[in-house]
Amino acid sequence: MEKRLAMCPTCRHTGYFLFLGEQHWPVEIARKLNVPADISLWRCPACQTTVSEPDLLPPQGRGSPKSEVVAQGS
């Protein structure tokens, strides 16, 4: 199970987001929408909102300004 420390743009909670998978867009559509063709999706541990990789915010209040990704066994 992969997790990432970040802040939710919806509820502003800082915590470990659960990796849900990837969303794949056809290249032509992604180019028109100005988004990556492959986007990682994460779930907020507080409000359960699904957040795309580009929308995650840097973690706040945990002492480290860098995001970290952690792989954990089930």
C-alpha atoms as a PDB file:
ATOM      1  CA  MET A   1       0.000   0.000   0.000  1.00  0.00           C
ATOM      2  CA  GLU A   2       1.543   3.297  -1.086  1.00  0.00           C
ATOM      3  CA  LYS A   3       0.978   6.471   0.941  1.00  0.00           C
ATOM      4  CA  ARG A   4       2.055  10.073   0.529  1.00  0.00           C
ATOM      5  CA  LEU A   5       2.289  12.860   3.088  1.00  0.00           C
ATOM      6  CA  ALA A   6       0.443  15.914   1.759  1.00  0.00           C
ATOM      7  CA  MET A   7      -2.290  18.454   2.519  1.00  0.00           C
ATOM      8  CA  CYS A   8      -5.813  18.119   1.112  1.00  0.00           C
ATOM      9  CA  PRO A   9      -6.972  21.036  -1.058  1.00  0.00           C
ATOM     10  CA  THR A  10     -10.571  20.331   0.044  1.00  0.00           C
ATOM     11  CA  CYS A  11     -10.416  20.050   3.861  1.00  0.00           C
ATOM     12  CA  ARG A  12      -6.823  21.332   4.434  1.00  0.00           C
ATOM     13  CA  HIS A  13      -5.952  18.234   6.529  1.00  0.00           C
ATOM     14  CA  THR A  14      -2.288  17.162   6.467  1.00  0.00           C
ATOM     15  CA  GLY A  15      -1.824  13.409   6.564  1.00  0.00           C
ATOM     16  CA  TYR A  16      -0.883  10.280   4.642  1.00  0.00           C
ATOM     17  CA  PHE A  17      -2.933   9.962   1.463  1.00  0.00           C
ATOM     18  CA  LEU A  18      -3.670   6.453   0.132  1.00  0.00           C
ATOM     19  CA  PHE A  19      -2.730   5.760  -3.499  1.00  0.00           C
ATOM     20  CA  LEU A  20      -5.841   4.676  -5.445  1.00  0.00           C
ATOM     21  CA  GLY A  21      -4.419   4.164  -8.923  1.00  0.00           C
ATOM     22  CA  GLU A  22      -3.919   6.110 -12.122  1.00  0.00           C
ATOM     23  CA  GLN A  23      -6.278   7.895 -14.447  1.00  0.00           C
ATOM     24  CA  HIS A  24      -5.282   7.621 -18.113  1.00  0.00           C
ATOM     25  CA  TRP A  25      -6.301  10.208 -20.691  1.00  0.00           C
ATOM     26  CA  PRO A  26      -5.802   9.858 -24.462  1.00  0.00           C
ATOM     27  CA  VAL A  27      -2.798  12.014 -25.400  1.00  0.00           C
ATOM     28  CA  GLU A  28      -4.827  14.300 -27.695  1.00  0.00           C
ATOM     29  CA  ILE A  29      -7.403  15.058 -24.999  1.00  0.00           C
ATOM     30  CA  ALA A  30      -4.753  15.567 -22.304  1.00  0.00           C
ATOM     31  CA  ARG A  31      -2.953  18.029 -24.567  1.00  0.00           C
ATOM     32  CA  LYS A  32      -6.190  19.991 -25.207  1.00  0.00           C
ATOM     33  CA  LEU A  33      -6.998  20.074 -21.474  1.00  0.00           C
ATOM     34  CA  ASN A  34      -3.382  20.899 -20.603  1.00  0.00           C
ATOM     35  CA  VAL A  35      -3.134  17.987 -18.139  1.00  0.00           C
ATOM     36  CA  PRO A  36      -0.770  15.003 -17.976  1.00  0.00           C
ATOM     37  CA  ALA A  37      -1.944  11.905 -19.869  1.00  0.00           C
ATOM     38  CA  ASP A  38      -1.382   9.776 -16.728  1.00  0.00           C
ATOM     39  CA  ILE A  39      -2.456  11.192 -13.361  1.00  0.00           C
ATOM     40  CA  SER A  40      -2.027   9.493  -9.976  1.00  0.00           C
ATOM     41  CA  LEU A  41      -5.096   9.569  -7.731  1.00  0.00           C
ATOM     42  CA  TRP A  42      -4.943   9.743  -3.916  1.00  0.00           C
ATOM     43  CA  ARG A  43      -7.561   9.570  -1.122  1.00  0.00           C
ATOM     44  CA  CYS A  44      -7.576  12.050   1.766  1.00  0.00           C
ATOM     45  CA  PRO A  45      -7.480  10.250   5.143  1.00  0.00           C
ATOM     46  CA  ALA A  46      -9.766  12.876   6.726  1.00  0.00           C
ATOM     47  CA  CYS A  47     -12.548  13.703   4.234  1.00  0.00           C
ATOM     48  CA  GLN A  48     -12.125  10.710   1.865  1.00  0.00           C
ATOM     49  CA  THR A  49     -11.980  13.029  -1.180  1.00  0.00           C
ATOM     50  CA  THR A  50     -10.173  11.667  -4.236  1.00  0.00           C
ATOM     51  CA  VAL A  51      -7.420  14.121  -5.176  1.00  0.00           C
ATOM     52  CA  SER A  52      -5.280  14.071  -8.317  1.00  0.00           C
ATOM     53  CA  GLU A  53      -1.490  14.340  -8.038  1.00  0.00           C
ATOM     54  CA  PRO A  54      -1.274  17.915  -9.398  1.00  0.00           C
ATOM     55  CA  ASP A  55      -3.849  19.129  -6.833  1.00  0.00           C
ATOM     56  CA  LEU A  56      -2.128  17.792  -3.688  1.00  0.00           C
ATOM     57  CA  LEU A  57      -0.606  20.535  -1.545  1.00  0.00           C
ATOM     58  CA  PRO A  58       2.705  20.394   0.364  1.00  0.00           C
ATOM     59  CA  PRO A  59       2.310  19.065   3.915  1.00  0.00           C
ATOM     60  CA  GLN A  60       1.760  21.621   6.668  1.00  0.00           C
ATOM     61  CA  GLY A  61       2.438  21.394  10.387  1.00  0.00           C
ATOM     62  CA  ARG A  62       4.586  18.260  10.433  1.00  0.00           C
ATOM     63  CA  GLY A  63       7.987  19.943  10.331  1.00  0.00           C
ATOM     64  CA  SER A  64       8.950  18.951   6.793  1.00  0.00           C
ATOM     65  CA  PRO A  65       8.130  21.031   3.713  1.00  0.00           C
ATOM     66  CA  LYS A  66       8.811  18.078   1.385  1.00  0.00           C
ATOM     67  CA  SER A  67       6.238  15.460   0.421  1.00  0.00           C
ATOM     68  CA  GLU A  68       7.223  11.898   1.067  1.00  0.00           C
ATOM     69  CA  VAL A  69       5.941   8.687  -0.488  1.00  0.00           C
ATOM     70  CA  VAL A  70       5.995   5.524   1.604  1.00  0.00           C
ATOM     71  CA  ALA A  71       5.367   1.978   0.419  1.00  0.00           C
ATOM     72  CA  GLN A  72       3.842  -0.212   3.112  1.00  0.00           C
ATOM     73  CA  GLY A  73       2.823  -3.856   3.135  1.00  0.00           C
ATOM     74  CA  SER A  74      -0.836  -4.733   3.631  1.00  0.00           C
END
